[in-house]
Amino acid sequence: MTNIRFKPIGKGLSLVVAGGALFLLTTVCAWGSDVKVIANSSVSASTVSSGDVKDVFLLDKDSLGGSHVEPVLIKGGPSHEAFLKEYVGRSDSALQAFYRSVVFTGKGSMPKTLSSDAEVVAYVAKTKGAVGYVSSAAGTEGVKVLQVK
């Protein structure tokens, strides 16, 4: 049997490696299921597929469970980036370019974009058919949290 010996890498480098690992872990956790998809209580669906969510936000689908829906976005931030990565599969700039092309060609209008989780929850709560997303830590009083499978 061969003995393998590892040379110590030093305290400073160990801290750098540990810090990098912690950064990767928190980044992955932030993009995991750190986003809740929410809807106005008028939306009859309570469970949707991730494909349905993508189709709603890419304007390929305008109903869920027979109820008319309209997407609501958060303007930037960790929740927005996590949502795009997990459900839409496009960068923010690619999504904005897509929406501009839809508007330019007259095939649709730009979705409502709000600045915070609280604004999205308030808007979705009062707007029939609104579907949005917020961080998993956000309060969701007055809206329906959709289960995404």
C-alpha atoms as a PDB file:
ATOM      1  CA  MET A   1       0.000   0.000   0.000  1.00  0.00           C
ATOM      2  CA  THR A   2       1.298   3.426  -0.935  1.00  0.00           C
ATOM      3  CA  ASN A   3       1.276   6.219   1.588  1.00  0.00           C
ATOM      4  CA  ILE A   4       0.130   9.492   0.167  1.00  0.00           C
ATOM      5  CA  ARG A   5       1.201  12.614   1.974  1.00  0.00           C
ATOM      6  CA  PHE A   6      -0.403  15.966   1.501  1.00  0.00           C
ATOM      7  CA  LYS A   7       1.602  19.097   2.005  1.00  0.00           C
ATOM      8  CA  PRO A   8      -0.181  21.718   4.161  1.00  0.00           C
ATOM      9  CA  ILE A   9      -1.260  24.665   2.040  1.00  0.00           C
ATOM     10  CA  GLY A  10      -0.984  27.327   4.686  1.00  0.00           C
ATOM     11  CA  LYS A  11      -3.533  29.136   6.802  1.00  0.00           C
ATOM     12  CA  GLY A  12      -4.078  32.068   4.410  1.00  0.00           C
ATOM     13  CA  LEU A  13      -4.790  29.881   1.397  1.00  0.00           C
ATOM     14  CA  SER A  14      -7.054  27.638   3.478  1.00  0.00           C
ATOM     15  CA  LEU A  15      -9.162  30.677   4.387  1.00  0.00           C
ATOM     16  CA  VAL A  16      -9.389  31.714   0.735  1.00  0.00           C
ATOM     17  CA  VAL A  17     -10.489  28.210  -0.300  1.00  0.00           C
ATOM     18  CA  ALA A  18     -13.020  28.040   2.547  1.00  0.00           C
ATOM     19  CA  GLY A  19     -14.352  31.505   1.671  1.00  0.00           C
ATOM     20  CA  GLY A  20     -14.747  30.530  -1.988  1.00  0.00           C
ATOM     21  CA  ALA A  21     -16.608  27.365  -1.041  1.00  0.00           C
ATOM     22  CA  LEU A  22     -18.932  29.343   1.225  1.00  0.00           C
ATOM     23  CA  PHE A  23     -19.597  31.857  -1.563  1.00  0.00           C
ATOM     24  CA  LEU A  24     -20.496  29.079  -4.016  1.00  0.00           C
ATOM     25  CA  LEU A  25     -22.762  27.420  -1.461  1.00  0.00           C
ATOM     26  CA  THR A  26     -24.682  30.619  -0.700  1.00  0.00           C
ATOM     27  CA  THR A  27     -24.962  31.444  -4.410  1.00  0.00           C
ATOM     28  CA  VAL A  28     -26.419  28.019  -5.183  1.00  0.00           C
ATOM     29  CA  CYS A  29     -28.822  28.309  -2.239  1.00  0.00           C
ATOM     30  CA  ALA A  30     -29.964  31.751  -3.416  1.00  0.00           C
ATOM     31  CA  TRP A  31     -30.788  30.318  -6.837  1.00  0.00           C
ATOM     32  CA  GLY A  32     -32.374  27.125  -5.547  1.00  0.00           C
ATOM     33  CA  SER A  33     -36.004  27.397  -4.666  1.00  0.00           C
ATOM     34  CA  ASP A  34     -35.536  30.809  -3.103  1.00  0.00           C
ATOM     35  CA  VAL A  35     -38.371  32.214  -5.201  1.00  0.00           C
ATOM     36  CA  LYS A  36     -42.113  31.851  -4.761  1.00  0.00           C
ATOM     37  CA  VAL A  37     -44.460  32.218  -7.703  1.00  0.00           C
ATOM     38  CA  ILE A  38     -47.574  34.107  -6.642  1.00  0.00           C
ATOM     39  CA  ALA A  39     -50.931  34.859  -8.217  1.00  0.00           C
ATOM     40  CA  ASN A  40     -54.026  36.929  -7.621  1.00  0.00           C
ATOM     41  CA  SER A  41     -56.793  34.968  -5.899  1.00  0.00           C
ATOM     42  CA  SER A  42     -58.817  35.114  -9.147  1.00  0.00           C
ATOM     43  CA  VAL A  43     -56.399  32.633 -10.751  1.00  0.00           C
ATOM     44  CA  SER A  44     -58.017  29.221 -10.397  1.00  0.00           C
ATOM     45  CA  ALA A  45     -54.811  27.171 -10.701  1.00  0.00           C
ATOM     46  CA  SER A  46     -52.940  26.341  -7.521  1.00  0.00           C
ATOM     47  CA  THR A  47     -50.354  24.015  -9.076  1.00  0.00           C
ATOM     48  CA  VAL A  48     -48.464  24.769 -12.290  1.00  0.00           C
ATOM     49  CA  SER A  49     -45.524  23.298 -14.154  1.00  0.00           C
ATOM     50  CA  SER A  50     -42.254  25.158 -14.512  1.00  0.00           C
ATOM     51  CA  GLY A  51     -42.994  25.160 -18.263  1.00  0.00           C
ATOM     52  CA  ASP A  52     -46.283  26.966 -17.598  1.00  0.00           C
ATOM     53  CA  VAL A  53     -44.428  29.613 -15.588  1.00  0.00           C
ATOM     54  CA  LYS A  54     -41.914  30.084 -18.402  1.00  0.00           C
ATOM     55  CA  ASP A  55     -44.705  30.303 -20.998  1.00  0.00           C
ATOM     56  CA  VAL A  56     -46.577  32.955 -18.992  1.00  0.00           C
ATOM     57  CA  PHE A  57     -43.482  35.133 -18.626  1.00  0.00           C
ATOM     58  CA  LEU A  58     -42.489  34.655 -22.281  1.00  0.00           C
ATOM     59  CA  LEU A  59     -46.047  35.599 -23.284  1.00  0.00           C
ATOM     60  CA  ASP A  60     -46.718  32.221 -24.929  1.00  0.00           C
ATOM     61  CA  LYS A  61     -49.541  31.484 -22.505  1.00  0.00           C
ATOM     62  CA  ASP A  62     -52.144  33.886 -21.165  1.00  0.00           C
ATOM     63  CA  SER A  63     -54.144  31.566 -18.930  1.00  0.00           C
ATOM     64  CA  LEU A  64     -53.601  29.148 -16.053  1.00  0.00           C
ATOM     65  CA  GLY A  65     -56.355  26.745 -15.097  1.00  0.00           C
ATOM     66  CA  GLY A  66     -58.725  28.602 -17.396  1.00  0.00           C
ATOM     67  CA  SER A  67     -58.057  32.001 -15.781  1.00  0.00           C
ATOM     68  CA  HIS A  68     -56.548  34.869 -17.777  1.00  0.00           C
ATOM     69  CA  VAL A  69     -53.114  35.825 -16.390  1.00  0.00           C
ATOM     70  CA  GLU A  70     -50.573  38.591 -16.894  1.00  0.00           C
ATOM     71  CA  PRO A  71     -46.960  38.508 -15.701  1.00  0.00           C
ATOM     72  CA  VAL A  72     -45.492  40.965 -13.200  1.00  0.00           C
ATOM     73  CA  LEU A  73     -41.714  41.374 -12.856  1.00  0.00           C
ATOM     74  CA  ILE A  74     -39.328  42.643 -10.202  1.00  0.00           C
ATOM     75  CA  LYS A  75     -36.804  45.144 -11.519  1.00  0.00           C
ATOM     76  CA  GLY A  76     -33.449  43.449 -10.903  1.00  0.00           C
ATOM     77  CA  GLY A  77     -32.032  41.980  -7.716  1.00  0.00           C
ATOM     78  CA  PRO A  78     -31.397  38.465  -6.384  1.00  0.00           C
ATOM     79  CA  SER A  79     -35.038  37.299  -6.623  1.00  0.00           C
ATOM     80  CA  HIS A  80     -35.254  38.423 -10.246  1.00  0.00           C
ATOM     81  CA  GLU A  81     -31.981  36.727 -11.182  1.00  0.00           C
ATOM     82  CA  ALA A  82     -32.981  33.511  -9.376  1.00  0.00           C
ATOM     83  CA  PHE A  83     -36.379  33.516 -11.105  1.00  0.00           C
ATOM     84  CA  LEU A  84     -34.828  34.009 -14.543  1.00  0.00           C
ATOM     85  CA  LYS A  85     -32.311  31.242 -13.980  1.00  0.00           C
ATOM     86  CA  GLU A  86     -34.780  28.752 -12.504  1.00  0.00           C
ATOM     87  CA  TYR A  87     -37.829  29.329 -14.712  1.00  0.00           C
ATOM     88  CA  VAL A  88     -37.194  31.499 -17.763  1.00  0.00           C
ATOM     89  CA  GLY A  89     -33.732  30.443 -18.916  1.00  0.00           C
ATOM     90  CA  ARG A  90     -32.800  33.900 -20.199  1.00  0.00           C
ATOM     91  CA  SER A  91     -30.665  36.715 -18.878  1.00  0.00           C
ATOM     92  CA  ASP A  92     -32.331  39.965 -17.887  1.00  0.00           C
ATOM     93  CA  SER A  93     -30.967  41.726 -20.978  1.00  0.00           C
ATOM     94  CA  ALA A  94     -32.220  38.931 -23.262  1.00  0.00           C
ATOM     95  CA  LEU A  95     -35.647  39.043 -21.622  1.00  0.00           C
ATOM     96  CA  GLN A  96     -35.857  42.829 -21.971  1.00  0.00           C
ATOM     97  CA  ALA A  97     -34.826  42.574 -25.647  1.00  0.00           C
ATOM     98  CA  PHE A  98     -37.552  39.951 -26.146  1.00  0.00           C
ATOM     99  CA  TYR A  99     -40.198  42.191 -24.556  1.00  0.00           C
ATOM    100  CA  ARG A 100     -39.074  45.174 -26.653  1.00  0.00           C
ATOM    101  CA  SER A 101     -39.432  43.085 -29.829  1.00  0.00           C
ATOM    102  CA  VAL A 102     -42.944  42.024 -28.792  1.00  0.00           C
ATOM    103  CA  VAL A 103     -43.910  45.651 -28.245  1.00  0.00           C
ATOM    104  CA  PHE A 104     -42.198  46.821 -31.458  1.00  0.00           C
ATOM    105  CA  THR A 105     -44.007  44.251 -33.591  1.00  0.00           C
ATOM    106  CA  GLY A 106     -47.345  45.049 -31.948  1.00  0.00           C
ATOM    107  CA  LYS A 107     -47.791  41.505 -30.623  1.00  0.00           C
ATOM    108  CA  GLY A 108     -48.072  42.518 -26.996  1.00  0.00           C
ATOM    109  CA  SER A 109     -47.151  44.986 -24.307  1.00  0.00           C
ATOM    110  CA  MET A 110     -44.408  45.220 -21.736  1.00  0.00           C
ATOM    111  CA  PRO A 111     -45.249  43.455 -18.461  1.00  0.00           C
ATOM    112  CA  LYS A 112     -45.621  45.551 -15.321  1.00  0.00           C
ATOM    113  CA  THR A 113     -42.257  45.894 -13.558  1.00  0.00           C
ATOM    114  CA  LEU A 114     -42.058  46.825  -9.872  1.00  0.00           C
ATOM    115  CA  SER A 115     -39.171  47.606  -7.524  1.00  0.00           C
ATOM    116  CA  SER A 116     -39.611  45.249  -4.563  1.00  0.00           C
ATOM    117  CA  ASP A 117     -41.209  42.087  -3.227  1.00  0.00           C
ATOM    118  CA  ALA A 118     -43.679  44.178  -1.229  1.00  0.00           C
ATOM    119  CA  GLU A 119     -44.747  46.120  -4.334  1.00  0.00           C
ATOM    120  CA  VAL A 120     -45.206  42.892  -6.313  1.00  0.00           C
ATOM    121  CA  VAL A 121     -47.306  41.309  -3.555  1.00  0.00           C
ATOM    122  CA  ALA A 122     -49.475  44.441  -3.245  1.00  0.00           C
ATOM    123  CA  TYR A 123     -49.970  44.712  -7.001  1.00  0.00           C
ATOM    124  CA  VAL A 124     -50.727  40.996  -7.476  1.00  0.00           C
ATOM    125  CA  ALA A 125     -53.163  41.073  -4.539  1.00  0.00           C
ATOM    126  CA  LYS A 126     -55.244  43.867  -6.110  1.00  0.00           C
ATOM    127  CA  THR A 127     -54.914  43.017  -9.824  1.00  0.00           C
ATOM    128  CA  LYS A 128     -57.127  40.302 -11.293  1.00  0.00           C
ATOM    129  CA  GLY A 129     -55.064  37.708 -13.174  1.00  0.00           C
ATOM    130  CA  ALA A 130     -51.667  39.020 -12.055  1.00  0.00           C
ATOM    131  CA  VAL A 131     -48.882  36.445 -11.652  1.00  0.00           C
ATOM    132  CA  GLY A 132     -45.512  37.378 -10.189  1.00  0.00           C
ATOM    133  CA  TYR A 133     -42.654  36.112  -8.072  1.00  0.00           C
ATOM    134  CA  VAL A 134     -41.002  37.121  -4.828  1.00  0.00           C
ATOM    135  CA  SER A 135     -38.198  35.845  -2.632  1.00  0.00           C
ATOM    136  CA  SER A 136     -39.104  32.893  -0.430  1.00  0.00           C
ATOM    137  CA  ALA A 137     -38.679  35.141   2.620  1.00  0.00           C
ATOM    138  CA  ALA A 138     -41.286  37.654   1.425  1.00  0.00           C
ATOM    139  CA  GLY A 139     -44.692  37.864   3.044  1.00  0.00           C
ATOM    140  CA  THR A 140     -47.490  36.719   0.766  1.00  0.00           C
ATOM    141  CA  GLU A 141     -50.602  37.864   2.589  1.00  0.00           C
ATOM    142  CA  GLY A 142     -53.461  38.495   0.175  1.00  0.00           C
ATOM    143  CA  VAL A 143     -52.044  36.421  -2.705  1.00  0.00           C
ATOM    144  CA  LYS A 144     -52.003  32.781  -3.684  1.00  0.00           C
ATOM    145  CA  VAL A 145     -48.649  30.986  -3.681  1.00  0.00           C
ATOM    146  CA  LEU A 146     -48.563  28.637  -6.662  1.00  0.00           C
ATOM    147  CA  GLN A 147     -46.947  25.251  -6.234  1.00  0.00           C
ATOM    148  CA  VAL A 148     -44.535  24.745  -9.136  1.00  0.00           C
ATOM    149  CA  LYS A 149     -43.782  21.179 -10.168  1.00  0.00           C
END
